[in-house]
Amino acid sequence: MEQVAGVVLAGGQGRRLGGIDKSLVTLGGVPLVARVLARLAPQCARLAISANGDPARYAAFGCPVLPDADGELQGPLAGVLAGLDWARREGFAALVTAATDTPFLPEDLVARLCAGASRSGLAVAAEEEAGGVLRWHPTFALWPVALRGDLRAALRQDERRMRRFAEGQGAVPVVFASGPVPPFFNINTPEDLAEAERLLAQL
């Protein structure tokens, strides 16, 4: 498997968690961003954090902090572009992204995405729901660095939908099985955080 870089998308403002920085919310006493970095570290050759604002708040995690290039806060796709620009500077051909609020992400995420990527080199994690419907999780994706130009152009056209952009570039879904601890369970509310604490106890 080709070595890839990894970026944690940490731009969530945590409005439903009281307006605090969601990436620094603690689960089992550990910040969410630290949990996601720990899951990705064995899978990626290098890691960075995509976030705007004061980068000093992430100093303890030992990763580069990548702000959006234009400073216009265009959502996670802008974080992907910042990650792709960084990955290119570091000599990588591909980047895997993961959301900071999803602490149980698969330990084989990168391998599975790389194995299932389309000819364009793009793959998006998905889960099968009732009735065989696939739920895409586009913040968990493999992005070829060669897409930088197309993504930059799409952002200039105010594209913000990750799935729509990925599908337009030929992405394919890679299906991950769910289980007692859902791999893409994400934390948006105090109730979600309480449920994550319960799920953590099962690991």
N, C-alpha and C. Protein backbone atom coordinates (compact mmCIF):
# COMPACT_ATOMS: atom_id res chain seq x y z
N MET A 1 0.84 -1.20 0.00
CA MET A 1 0.00 0.00 0.00
C MET A 1 0.87 1.25 0.00
N GLU A 2 0.55 2.16 -0.91
CA GLU A 2 1.29 3.42 -0.99
C GLU A 2 1.11 4.23 0.28
N GLN A 3 2.19 4.84 0.75
CA GLN A 3 2.08 5.67 1.94
C GLN A 3 1.24 6.91 1.66
N VAL A 4 0.40 7.25 2.60
CA VAL A 4 -0.44 8.43 2.45
C VAL A 4 -0.30 9.30 3.68
N ALA A 5 -0.62 10.57 3.50
CA ALA A 5 -0.69 11.50 4.62
C ALA A 5 -2.12 11.52 5.16
N GLY A 6 -2.27 11.99 6.39
CA GLY A 6 -3.59 12.06 7.00
C GLY A 6 -3.85 13.42 7.60
N VAL A 7 -5.08 13.89 7.47
CA VAL A 7 -5.49 15.17 8.06
C VAL A 7 -6.77 14.98 8.84
N VAL A 8 -6.78 15.49 10.06
CA VAL A 8 -7.99 15.50 10.88
C VAL A 8 -8.70 16.83 10.64
N LEU A 9 -9.94 16.76 10.17
CA LEU A 9 -10.73 17.95 9.91
C LEU A 9 -11.35 18.41 11.23
N ALA A 10 -10.81 19.49 11.78
CA ALA A 10 -11.18 19.93 13.13
C ALA A 10 -11.83 21.29 13.13
N GLY A 11 -12.62 21.57 12.11
CA GLY A 11 -13.20 22.91 12.00
C GLY A 11 -14.53 23.09 12.69
N GLY A 12 -15.11 22.01 13.25
CA GLY A 12 -16.42 22.13 13.87
C GLY A 12 -16.44 23.09 15.04
N GLN A 13 -17.47 23.93 15.10
CA GLN A 13 -17.54 24.95 16.14
C GLN A 13 -18.29 24.49 17.39
N GLY A 14 -18.87 23.31 17.35
CA GLY A 14 -19.49 22.75 18.55
C GLY A 14 -20.62 23.58 19.12
N ARG A 15 -21.46 24.17 18.26
CA ARG A 15 -22.55 25.01 18.75
C ARG A 15 -23.50 24.24 19.66
N ARG A 16 -23.77 22.97 19.31
CA ARG A 16 -24.70 22.18 20.12
C ARG A 16 -24.04 21.59 21.37
N LEU A 17 -22.74 21.86 21.50
CA LEU A 17 -22.03 21.46 22.71
C LEU A 17 -21.65 22.67 23.55
N GLY A 18 -22.40 23.74 23.36
CA GLY A 18 -22.17 24.94 24.15
C GLY A 18 -21.21 25.92 23.53
N GLY A 19 -20.92 25.74 22.23
CA GLY A 19 -20.05 26.67 21.53
C GLY A 19 -18.57 26.48 21.79
N ILE A 20 -18.19 25.37 22.43
CA ILE A 20 -16.78 25.11 22.69
C ILE A 20 -16.15 24.43 21.47
N ASP A 21 -14.85 24.46 21.39
CA ASP A 21 -14.13 23.83 20.29
C ASP A 21 -14.36 22.32 20.37
N LYS A 22 -15.10 21.80 19.40
CA LYS A 22 -15.50 20.39 19.46
C LYS A 22 -14.29 19.46 19.52
N SER A 23 -13.23 19.79 18.81
CA SER A 23 -12.07 18.90 18.76
C SER A 23 -11.40 18.74 20.11
N LEU A 24 -11.62 19.70 21.03
CA LEU A 24 -11.00 19.64 22.35
C LEU A 24 -11.94 19.13 23.43
N VAL A 25 -13.17 18.79 23.06
CA VAL A 25 -14.08 18.14 24.00
C VAL A 25 -13.46 16.80 24.40
N THR A 26 -13.55 16.46 25.68
CA THR A 26 -12.91 15.23 26.14
C THR A 26 -13.90 14.07 26.20
N LEU A 27 -13.41 12.91 25.81
CA LEU A 27 -14.13 11.65 25.90
C LEU A 27 -13.25 10.69 26.70
N GLY A 28 -13.73 10.25 27.84
CA GLY A 28 -12.88 9.43 28.70
C GLY A 28 -11.63 10.17 29.14
N GLY A 29 -11.75 11.49 29.28
CA GLY A 29 -10.63 12.31 29.72
C GLY A 29 -9.62 12.67 28.64
N VAL A 30 -9.89 12.27 27.39
CA VAL A 30 -8.96 12.50 26.28
C VAL A 30 -9.65 13.36 25.22
N PRO A 31 -9.01 14.43 24.73
CA PRO A 31 -9.63 15.26 23.69
C PRO A 31 -9.97 14.43 22.45
N LEU A 32 -11.10 14.76 21.82
CA LEU A 32 -11.52 14.02 20.64
C LEU A 32 -10.44 14.02 19.56
N VAL A 33 -9.81 15.17 19.34
CA VAL A 33 -8.79 15.22 18.29
C VAL A 33 -7.64 14.27 18.59
N ALA A 34 -7.30 14.10 19.87
CA ALA A 34 -6.23 13.18 20.23
C ALA A 34 -6.64 11.73 19.95
N ARG A 35 -7.90 11.42 20.19
CA ARG A 35 -8.38 10.07 19.91
C ARG A 35 -8.34 9.75 18.41
N VAL A 36 -8.74 10.72 17.59
CA VAL A 36 -8.72 10.51 16.15
C VAL A 36 -7.28 10.41 15.64
N LEU A 37 -6.41 11.27 16.14
CA LEU A 37 -4.99 11.19 15.74
C LEU A 37 -4.40 9.83 16.11
N ALA A 38 -4.75 9.33 17.29
CA ALA A 38 -4.21 8.03 17.73
C ALA A 38 -4.70 6.91 16.84
N ARG A 39 -5.93 6.99 16.36
CA ARG A 39 -6.46 5.97 15.46
C ARG A 39 -5.78 6.03 14.08
N LEU A 40 -5.48 7.23 13.65
CA LEU A 40 -4.87 7.41 12.32
C LEU A 40 -3.37 7.18 12.31
N ALA A 41 -2.70 7.42 13.42
CA ALA A 41 -1.23 7.39 13.45
C ALA A 41 -0.63 6.10 12.89
N PRO A 42 -1.14 4.90 13.23
CA PRO A 42 -0.55 3.69 12.65
C PRO A 42 -0.86 3.51 11.17
N GLN A 43 -1.79 4.31 10.64
CA GLN A 43 -2.25 4.11 9.28
C GLN A 43 -1.64 5.09 8.28
N CYS A 44 -1.07 6.18 8.76
CA CYS A 44 -0.59 7.25 7.89
C CYS A 44 0.88 7.55 8.16
N ALA A 45 1.57 7.98 7.12
CA ALA A 45 2.98 8.29 7.26
C ALA A 45 3.21 9.60 8.00
N ARG A 46 2.31 10.57 7.82
CA ARG A 46 2.38 11.84 8.54
C ARG A 46 0.97 12.34 8.79
N LEU A 47 0.81 13.15 9.84
CA LEU A 47 -0.50 13.67 10.21
C LEU A 47 -0.46 15.17 10.39
N ALA A 48 -1.59 15.80 10.11
CA ALA A 48 -1.77 17.23 10.35
C ALA A 48 -3.21 17.46 10.80
N ILE A 49 -3.46 18.65 11.31
CA ILE A 49 -4.79 19.04 11.77
C ILE A 49 -5.25 20.22 10.93
N SER A 50 -6.44 20.13 10.36
CA SER A 50 -7.02 21.24 9.61
C SER A 50 -7.89 22.04 10.56
N ALA A 51 -7.50 23.29 10.83
CA ALA A 51 -8.26 24.13 11.77
C ALA A 51 -7.91 25.58 11.54
N ASN A 52 -8.89 26.44 11.77
CA ASN A 52 -8.66 27.88 11.71
C ASN A 52 -8.54 28.41 13.14
N GLY A 53 -8.20 29.67 13.26
CA GLY A 53 -8.04 30.26 14.59
C GLY A 53 -6.63 30.05 15.12
N ASP A 54 -6.48 30.22 16.40
CA ASP A 54 -5.17 30.15 17.05
C ASP A 54 -4.63 28.72 17.02
N PRO A 55 -3.54 28.46 16.29
CA PRO A 55 -3.00 27.10 16.23
C PRO A 55 -2.39 26.63 17.54
N ALA A 56 -2.12 27.57 18.46
CA ALA A 56 -1.46 27.20 19.72
C ALA A 56 -2.30 26.22 20.53
N ARG A 57 -3.61 26.22 20.32
CA ARG A 57 -4.45 25.32 21.12
C ARG A 57 -4.21 23.85 20.78
N TYR A 58 -3.52 23.61 19.68
CA TYR A 58 -3.20 22.23 19.29
C TYR A 58 -1.73 21.89 19.49
N ALA A 59 -1.00 22.76 20.16
CA ALA A 59 0.44 22.57 20.30
C ALA A 59 0.78 21.24 20.97
N ALA A 60 -0.06 20.78 21.88
CA ALA A 60 0.24 19.56 22.63
C ALA A 60 0.20 18.30 21.77
N PHE A 61 -0.35 18.40 20.56
CA PHE A 61 -0.55 17.20 19.77
C PHE A 61 0.57 16.94 18.75
N GLY A 62 1.50 17.87 18.63
CA GLY A 62 2.69 17.63 17.84
C GLY A 62 2.48 17.50 16.35
N CYS A 63 1.44 18.14 15.81
CA CYS A 63 1.14 18.08 14.38
C CYS A 63 1.09 19.47 13.77
N PRO A 64 1.42 19.60 12.50
CA PRO A 64 1.19 20.89 11.84
C PRO A 64 -0.30 21.23 11.86
N VAL A 65 -0.61 22.51 11.99
CA VAL A 65 -2.00 22.97 11.95
C VAL A 65 -2.19 23.76 10.66
N LEU A 66 -3.16 23.35 9.86
CA LEU A 66 -3.34 23.89 8.52
C LEU A 66 -4.61 24.74 8.47
N PRO A 67 -4.49 26.06 8.36
CA PRO A 67 -5.68 26.90 8.20
C PRO A 67 -6.16 26.85 6.75
N ASP A 68 -7.43 27.22 6.54
CA ASP A 68 -7.92 27.33 5.18
C ASP A 68 -7.10 28.36 4.43
N ALA A 69 -6.81 28.06 3.17
CA ALA A 69 -5.91 28.91 2.40
C ALA A 69 -6.44 30.32 2.22
N ASP A 70 -7.75 30.47 1.99
CA ASP A 70 -8.28 31.80 1.71
C ASP A 70 -8.88 32.49 2.92
N GLY A 71 -8.96 31.76 4.04
CA GLY A 71 -9.47 32.36 5.25
C GLY A 71 -10.96 32.64 5.25
N GLU A 72 -11.70 32.09 4.28
CA GLU A 72 -13.13 32.39 4.17
C GLU A 72 -14.01 31.34 4.85
N LEU A 73 -13.44 30.38 5.52
CA LEU A 73 -14.19 29.38 6.28
C LEU A 73 -15.25 28.71 5.41
N GLN A 74 -14.81 28.06 4.35
CA GLN A 74 -15.73 27.43 3.41
C GLN A 74 -16.06 25.99 3.77
N GLY A 75 -15.86 25.61 5.01
CA GLY A 75 -16.27 24.29 5.42
C GLY A 75 -15.20 23.23 5.19
N PRO A 76 -15.60 21.96 5.35
CA PRO A 76 -14.60 20.89 5.31
C PRO A 76 -13.89 20.73 3.97
N LEU A 77 -14.53 21.10 2.85
CA LEU A 77 -13.82 21.00 1.57
C LEU A 77 -12.61 21.91 1.53
N ALA A 78 -12.71 23.08 2.17
CA ALA A 78 -11.55 23.97 2.24
C ALA A 78 -10.45 23.33 3.09
N GLY A 79 -10.85 22.58 4.12
CA GLY A 79 -9.86 21.85 4.91
C GLY A 79 -9.19 20.76 4.10
N VAL A 80 -9.96 20.10 3.24
CA VAL A 80 -9.37 19.09 2.35
C VAL A 80 -8.34 19.73 1.44
N LEU A 81 -8.67 20.89 0.87
CA LEU A 81 -7.72 21.56 -0.02
C LEU A 81 -6.45 21.95 0.73
N ALA A 82 -6.59 22.48 1.94
CA ALA A 82 -5.40 22.81 2.73
C ALA A 82 -4.57 21.56 2.97
N GLY A 83 -5.24 20.44 3.23
CA GLY A 83 -4.53 19.19 3.42
C GLY A 83 -3.83 18.71 2.17
N LEU A 84 -4.48 18.84 1.02
CA LEU A 84 -3.86 18.42 -0.24
C LEU A 84 -2.64 19.28 -0.56
N ASP A 85 -2.74 20.59 -0.32
CA ASP A 85 -1.58 21.45 -0.55
C ASP A 85 -0.42 21.04 0.36
N TRP A 86 -0.72 20.76 1.61
CA TRP A 86 0.31 20.32 2.55
C TRP A 86 0.89 18.97 2.13
N ALA A 87 0.04 18.03 1.76
CA ALA A 87 0.51 16.71 1.36
C ALA A 87 1.45 16.80 0.15
N ARG A 88 1.13 17.67 -0.78
CA ARG A 88 1.99 17.84 -1.95
C ARG A 88 3.36 18.38 -1.52
N ARG A 89 3.36 19.37 -0.63
CA ARG A 89 4.64 19.92 -0.15
C ARG A 89 5.47 18.84 0.54
N GLU A 90 4.79 17.90 1.19
CA GLU A 90 5.49 16.83 1.91
C GLU A 90 5.85 15.65 1.03
N GLY A 91 5.48 15.71 -0.24
CA GLY A 91 5.87 14.67 -1.18
C GLY A 91 4.94 13.48 -1.28
N PHE A 92 3.69 13.63 -0.82
CA PHE A 92 2.72 12.53 -0.88
C PHE A 92 1.84 12.67 -2.12
N ALA A 93 1.37 11.54 -2.61
CA ALA A 93 0.47 11.54 -3.76
C ALA A 93 -0.98 11.47 -3.36
N ALA A 94 -1.25 11.16 -2.09
CA ALA A 94 -2.64 11.01 -1.65
C ALA A 94 -2.78 11.39 -0.18
N LEU A 95 -4.00 11.74 0.16
CA LEU A 95 -4.34 12.20 1.51
C LEU A 95 -5.61 11.50 1.98
N VAL A 96 -5.62 11.08 3.24
CA VAL A 96 -6.84 10.58 3.86
C VAL A 96 -7.31 11.61 4.88
N THR A 97 -8.60 11.90 4.87
CA THR A 97 -9.17 12.83 5.84
C THR A 97 -10.10 12.08 6.80
N ALA A 98 -10.22 12.63 8.01
CA ALA A 98 -11.12 12.08 9.02
C ALA A 98 -11.68 13.21 9.86
N ALA A 99 -12.90 13.05 10.33
CA ALA A 99 -13.54 14.08 11.15
C ALA A 99 -13.10 13.98 12.60
N THR A 100 -12.94 15.11 13.23
CA THR A 100 -12.43 15.14 14.61
C THR A 100 -13.43 14.65 15.64
N ASP A 101 -14.73 14.59 15.27
CA ASP A 101 -15.76 14.22 16.24
C ASP A 101 -16.19 12.76 16.13
N THR A 102 -15.36 11.94 15.50
CA THR A 102 -15.71 10.54 15.25
C THR A 102 -14.61 9.65 15.82
N PRO A 103 -14.61 9.43 17.14
CA PRO A 103 -13.46 8.81 17.80
C PRO A 103 -13.30 7.31 17.60
N PHE A 104 -14.30 6.65 17.01
CA PHE A 104 -14.22 5.19 16.85
C PHE A 104 -13.94 4.79 15.40
N LEU A 105 -13.35 5.67 14.63
CA LEU A 105 -13.12 5.41 13.21
C LEU A 105 -12.35 4.10 13.00
N PRO A 106 -12.57 3.42 11.87
CA PRO A 106 -11.97 2.10 11.65
C PRO A 106 -10.45 2.11 11.69
N GLU A 107 -9.90 1.08 12.30
CA GLU A 107 -8.45 0.95 12.37
C GLU A 107 -7.85 0.49 11.04
N ASP A 108 -8.71 0.08 10.09
CA ASP A 108 -8.25 -0.27 8.75
C ASP A 108 -8.79 0.70 7.71
N LEU A 109 -9.13 1.91 8.15
CA LEU A 109 -9.72 2.90 7.25
C LEU A 109 -8.85 3.14 6.02
N VAL A 110 -7.58 3.44 6.23
CA VAL A 110 -6.70 3.82 5.13
C VAL A 110 -6.50 2.64 4.18
N ALA A 111 -6.23 1.47 4.71
CA ALA A 111 -6.00 0.30 3.85
C ALA A 111 -7.23 0.00 3.00
N ARG A 112 -8.41 0.08 3.60
CA ARG A 112 -9.63 -0.23 2.87
C ARG A 112 -9.92 0.82 1.80
N LEU A 113 -9.71 2.09 2.13
CA LEU A 113 -9.94 3.14 1.14
C LEU A 113 -8.97 3.01 -0.03
N CYS A 114 -7.71 2.73 0.28
CA CYS A 114 -6.72 2.58 -0.79
C CYS A 114 -7.05 1.39 -1.69
N ALA A 115 -7.49 0.30 -1.08
CA ALA A 115 -7.80 -0.91 -1.85
C ALA A 115 -9.05 -0.72 -2.71
N GLY A 116 -9.98 0.12 -2.25
CA GLY A 116 -11.24 0.26 -2.97
C GLY A 116 -11.36 1.48 -3.83
N ALA A 117 -10.29 2.26 -3.97
CA ALA A 117 -10.37 3.52 -4.70
C ALA A 117 -10.70 3.32 -6.18
N SER A 118 -11.33 4.32 -6.75
CA SER A 118 -11.64 4.31 -8.18
C SER A 118 -10.38 4.56 -8.99
N ARG A 119 -10.52 4.53 -10.29
CA ARG A 119 -9.38 4.82 -11.17
C ARG A 119 -8.81 6.21 -10.92
N SER A 120 -9.68 7.11 -10.49
CA SER A 120 -9.22 8.47 -10.19
C SER A 120 -8.43 8.53 -8.89
N GLY A 121 -8.46 7.43 -8.11
CA GLY A 121 -7.76 7.42 -6.84
C GLY A 121 -8.57 7.95 -5.68
N LEU A 122 -9.88 8.12 -5.88
CA LEU A 122 -10.74 8.72 -4.87
C LEU A 122 -11.68 7.67 -4.30
N ALA A 123 -11.79 7.62 -2.99
CA ALA A 123 -12.70 6.69 -2.33
C ALA A 123 -13.29 7.36 -1.10
N VAL A 124 -14.55 7.02 -0.80
CA VAL A 124 -15.27 7.59 0.34
C VAL A 124 -15.83 6.46 1.19
N ALA A 125 -15.68 6.57 2.50
CA ALA A 125 -16.23 5.57 3.40
C ALA A 125 -17.75 5.63 3.38
N ALA A 126 -18.38 4.46 3.57
CA ALA A 126 -19.85 4.39 3.58
C ALA A 126 -20.28 3.25 4.49
N GLU A 127 -21.54 3.31 4.91
CA GLU A 127 -22.17 2.23 5.68
C GLU A 127 -23.48 1.86 5.01
N GLU A 128 -23.84 0.58 5.09
CA GLU A 128 -25.12 0.14 4.54
C GLU A 128 -26.19 0.25 5.61
N GLU A 129 -27.25 0.98 5.27
CA GLU A 129 -28.36 1.15 6.20
C GLU A 129 -29.51 0.23 5.81
N ALA A 130 -30.61 0.31 6.54
CA ALA A 130 -31.78 -0.52 6.28
C ALA A 130 -32.24 -0.36 4.83
N GLY A 131 -32.59 -1.49 4.23
CA GLY A 131 -33.04 -1.45 2.84
C GLY A 131 -31.92 -1.40 1.84
N GLY A 132 -30.68 -1.57 2.32
CA GLY A 132 -29.54 -1.58 1.41
C GLY A 132 -29.08 -0.21 0.96
N VAL A 133 -29.64 0.85 1.57
CA VAL A 133 -29.22 2.20 1.21
C VAL A 133 -27.85 2.48 1.78
N LEU A 134 -26.98 3.06 0.95
CA LEU A 134 -25.64 3.40 1.41
C LEU A 134 -25.62 4.82 1.96
N ARG A 135 -25.07 4.96 3.15
CA ARG A 135 -24.85 6.28 3.73
C ARG A 135 -23.37 6.63 3.58
N TRP A 136 -23.10 7.64 2.78
CA TRP A 136 -21.72 8.06 2.57
C TRP A 136 -21.25 8.90 3.75
N HIS A 137 -19.95 8.79 4.06
CA HIS A 137 -19.31 9.61 5.09
C HIS A 137 -18.14 10.34 4.43
N PRO A 138 -18.42 11.40 3.67
CA PRO A 138 -17.38 12.01 2.83
C PRO A 138 -16.25 12.70 3.58
N THR A 139 -16.41 12.94 4.89
CA THR A 139 -15.25 13.47 5.62
C THR A 139 -14.20 12.39 5.82
N PHE A 140 -14.57 11.13 5.59
CA PHE A 140 -13.63 10.01 5.65
C PHE A 140 -13.37 9.54 4.23
N ALA A 141 -12.30 10.03 3.65
CA ALA A 141 -12.08 9.78 2.23
C ALA A 141 -10.60 9.78 1.89
N LEU A 142 -10.30 9.14 0.78
CA LEU A 142 -8.96 9.15 0.18
C LEU A 142 -9.01 10.12 -0.99
N TRP A 143 -8.14 11.11 -0.95
CA TRP A 143 -8.12 12.17 -1.96
C TRP A 143 -6.77 12.19 -2.67
N PRO A 144 -6.70 11.99 -3.98
CA PRO A 144 -5.42 12.15 -4.67
C PRO A 144 -4.99 13.60 -4.71
N VAL A 145 -3.73 13.84 -4.50
CA VAL A 145 -3.21 15.21 -4.52
C VAL A 145 -3.45 15.88 -5.87
N ALA A 146 -3.55 15.07 -6.92
CA ALA A 146 -3.79 15.61 -8.26
C ALA A 146 -5.12 16.35 -8.38
N LEU A 147 -6.02 16.20 -7.41
CA LEU A 147 -7.31 16.88 -7.44
C LEU A 147 -7.24 18.33 -6.96
N ARG A 148 -6.08 18.77 -6.53
CA ARG A 148 -5.98 20.11 -5.93
C ARG A 148 -6.57 21.19 -6.83
N GLY A 149 -6.22 21.16 -8.11
CA GLY A 149 -6.70 22.20 -9.02
C GLY A 149 -8.20 22.19 -9.18
N ASP A 150 -8.78 21.00 -9.35
CA ASP A 150 -10.23 20.89 -9.50
C ASP A 150 -10.95 21.34 -8.24
N LEU A 151 -10.41 20.97 -7.08
CA LEU A 151 -11.05 21.37 -5.83
C LEU A 151 -10.95 22.87 -5.62
N ARG A 152 -9.82 23.44 -5.93
CA ARG A 152 -9.66 24.89 -5.78
C ARG A 152 -10.67 25.63 -6.66
N ALA A 153 -10.84 25.12 -7.90
CA ALA A 153 -11.80 25.74 -8.81
C ALA A 153 -13.23 25.58 -8.29
N ALA A 154 -13.54 24.41 -7.73
CA ALA A 154 -14.89 24.18 -7.21
C ALA A 154 -15.19 25.11 -6.03
N LEU A 155 -14.21 25.31 -5.16
CA LEU A 155 -14.41 26.21 -4.03
C LEU A 155 -14.63 27.64 -4.51
N ARG A 156 -13.97 28.02 -5.57
CA ARG A 156 -14.17 29.37 -6.12
C ARG A 156 -15.58 29.53 -6.67
N GLN A 157 -16.20 28.41 -7.04
CA GLN A 157 -17.58 28.42 -7.51
C GLN A 157 -18.56 28.19 -6.36
N ASP A 158 -18.05 28.28 -5.13
CA ASP A 158 -18.85 28.16 -3.91
C ASP A 158 -19.38 26.75 -3.68
N GLU A 159 -18.68 25.75 -4.19
CA GLU A 159 -19.04 24.37 -3.88
C GLU A 159 -18.65 24.05 -2.44
N ARG A 160 -19.61 23.53 -1.66
CA ARG A 160 -19.34 23.19 -0.27
C ARG A 160 -19.75 21.77 0.07
N ARG A 161 -20.40 21.08 -0.83
CA ARG A 161 -20.90 19.73 -0.55
C ARG A 161 -19.84 18.70 -0.89
N MET A 162 -19.35 18.05 0.12
CA MET A 162 -18.25 17.11 -0.07
C MET A 162 -18.65 15.94 -0.96
N ARG A 163 -19.81 15.36 -0.68
CA ARG A 163 -20.21 14.20 -1.48
C ARG A 163 -20.41 14.58 -2.94
N ARG A 164 -21.05 15.70 -3.20
CA ARG A 164 -21.29 16.09 -4.59
C ARG A 164 -19.97 16.30 -5.33
N PHE A 165 -19.02 16.97 -4.68
CA PHE A 165 -17.73 17.15 -5.34
C PHE A 165 -17.04 15.81 -5.57
N ALA A 166 -17.04 14.95 -4.55
CA ALA A 166 -16.36 13.65 -4.67
C ALA A 166 -16.98 12.79 -5.76
N GLU A 167 -18.31 12.74 -5.80
CA GLU A 167 -18.97 11.96 -6.85
C GLU A 167 -18.66 12.51 -8.23
N GLY A 168 -18.60 13.83 -8.33
CA GLY A 168 -18.28 14.44 -9.61
C GLY A 168 -16.88 14.13 -10.10
N GLN A 169 -16.01 13.75 -9.17
CA GLN A 169 -14.63 13.39 -9.51
C GLN A 169 -14.46 11.88 -9.65
N GLY A 170 -15.55 11.13 -9.61
CA GLY A 170 -15.46 9.69 -9.82
C GLY A 170 -15.22 8.87 -8.57
N ALA A 171 -15.54 9.41 -7.40
CA ALA A 171 -15.33 8.66 -6.16
C ALA A 171 -16.22 7.42 -6.12
N VAL A 172 -15.73 6.39 -5.44
CA VAL A 172 -16.54 5.20 -5.20
C VAL A 172 -16.69 5.01 -3.70
N PRO A 173 -17.85 4.49 -3.25
CA PRO A 173 -18.02 4.21 -1.82
C PRO A 173 -17.33 2.91 -1.43
N VAL A 174 -16.70 2.93 -0.29
CA VAL A 174 -16.11 1.72 0.30
C VAL A 174 -16.91 1.42 1.55
N VAL A 175 -17.59 0.28 1.57
CA VAL A 175 -18.55 -0.02 2.63
C VAL A 175 -17.87 -0.65 3.83
N PHE A 176 -18.10 -0.05 4.99
CA PHE A 176 -17.61 -0.57 6.27
C PHE A 176 -18.79 -1.11 7.05
N ALA A 177 -18.59 -2.28 7.66
CA ALA A 177 -19.66 -2.88 8.46
C ALA A 177 -19.82 -2.11 9.76
N SER A 178 -21.08 -1.99 10.19
CA SER A 178 -21.34 -1.41 11.49
C SER A 178 -21.18 -2.50 12.54
N GLY A 179 -21.41 -2.15 13.80
CA GLY A 179 -21.23 -3.13 14.86
C GLY A 179 -21.73 -2.56 16.17
N PRO A 180 -21.43 -3.21 17.28
CA PRO A 180 -21.85 -2.69 18.59
C PRO A 180 -21.35 -1.27 18.84
N VAL A 181 -20.14 -0.97 18.33
CA VAL A 181 -19.61 0.39 18.38
C VAL A 181 -19.56 0.90 16.94
N PRO A 182 -20.53 1.71 16.52
CA PRO A 182 -20.57 2.17 15.13
C PRO A 182 -19.28 2.92 14.77
N PRO A 183 -18.62 2.54 13.67
CA PRO A 183 -17.32 3.13 13.36
C PRO A 183 -17.35 4.62 13.04
N PHE A 184 -18.51 5.11 12.58
CA PHE A 184 -18.58 6.52 12.22
C PHE A 184 -19.55 7.30 13.12
N PHE A 185 -19.72 6.79 14.34
CA PHE A 185 -20.54 7.52 15.33
C PHE A 185 -19.88 8.87 15.58
N ASN A 186 -20.67 9.95 15.39
CA ASN A 186 -20.08 11.27 15.60
C ASN A 186 -20.81 12.01 16.71
N ILE A 187 -20.08 12.93 17.31
CA ILE A 187 -20.53 13.61 18.52
C ILE A 187 -20.89 15.06 18.20
N ASN A 188 -22.19 15.36 18.31
CA ASN A 188 -22.66 16.72 18.04
C ASN A 188 -23.34 17.37 19.24
N THR A 189 -23.86 16.55 20.14
CA THR A 189 -24.67 17.07 21.24
C THR A 189 -24.19 16.47 22.56
N PRO A 190 -24.61 17.04 23.69
CA PRO A 190 -24.28 16.42 24.98
C PRO A 190 -24.78 14.98 25.07
N GLU A 191 -25.93 14.69 24.45
CA GLU A 191 -26.46 13.34 24.46
C GLU A 191 -25.54 12.39 23.67
N ASP A 192 -25.02 12.87 22.55
CA ASP A 192 -24.06 12.06 21.77
C ASP A 192 -22.82 11.77 22.60
N LEU A 193 -22.36 12.78 23.34
CA LEU A 193 -21.16 12.59 24.15
C LEU A 193 -21.40 11.55 25.24
N ALA A 194 -22.57 11.58 25.84
CA ALA A 194 -22.90 10.58 26.85
C ALA A 194 -22.96 9.19 26.24
N GLU A 195 -23.52 9.09 25.04
CA GLU A 195 -23.57 7.79 24.37
C GLU A 195 -22.17 7.32 23.99
N ALA A 196 -21.30 8.24 23.59
CA ALA A 196 -19.92 7.87 23.26
C ALA A 196 -19.19 7.34 24.49
N GLU A 197 -19.45 7.92 25.63
CA GLU A 197 -18.85 7.41 26.88
C GLU A 197 -19.31 5.97 27.13
N ARG A 198 -20.58 5.69 26.86
CA ARG A 198 -21.09 4.33 27.02
C ARG A 198 -20.43 3.37 26.02
N LEU A 199 -20.30 3.82 24.78
CA LEU A 199 -19.67 2.99 23.75
C LEU A 199 -18.19 2.75 24.07
N LEU A 200 -17.53 3.77 24.59
CA LEU A 200 -16.11 3.65 24.93
C LEU A 200 -15.90 2.53 25.95
N ALA A 201 -16.84 2.38 26.86
CA ALA A 201 -16.72 1.35 27.90
C ALA A 201 -16.78 -0.05 27.31
N GLN A 202 -17.30 -0.18 26.09
CA GLN A 202 -17.40 -1.50 25.44
C GLN A 202 -16.11 -1.92 24.76
N LEU A 203 -15.20 -0.98 24.56
CA LEU A 203 -13.97 -1.29 23.82
C LEU A 203 -12.92 -1.96 24.74
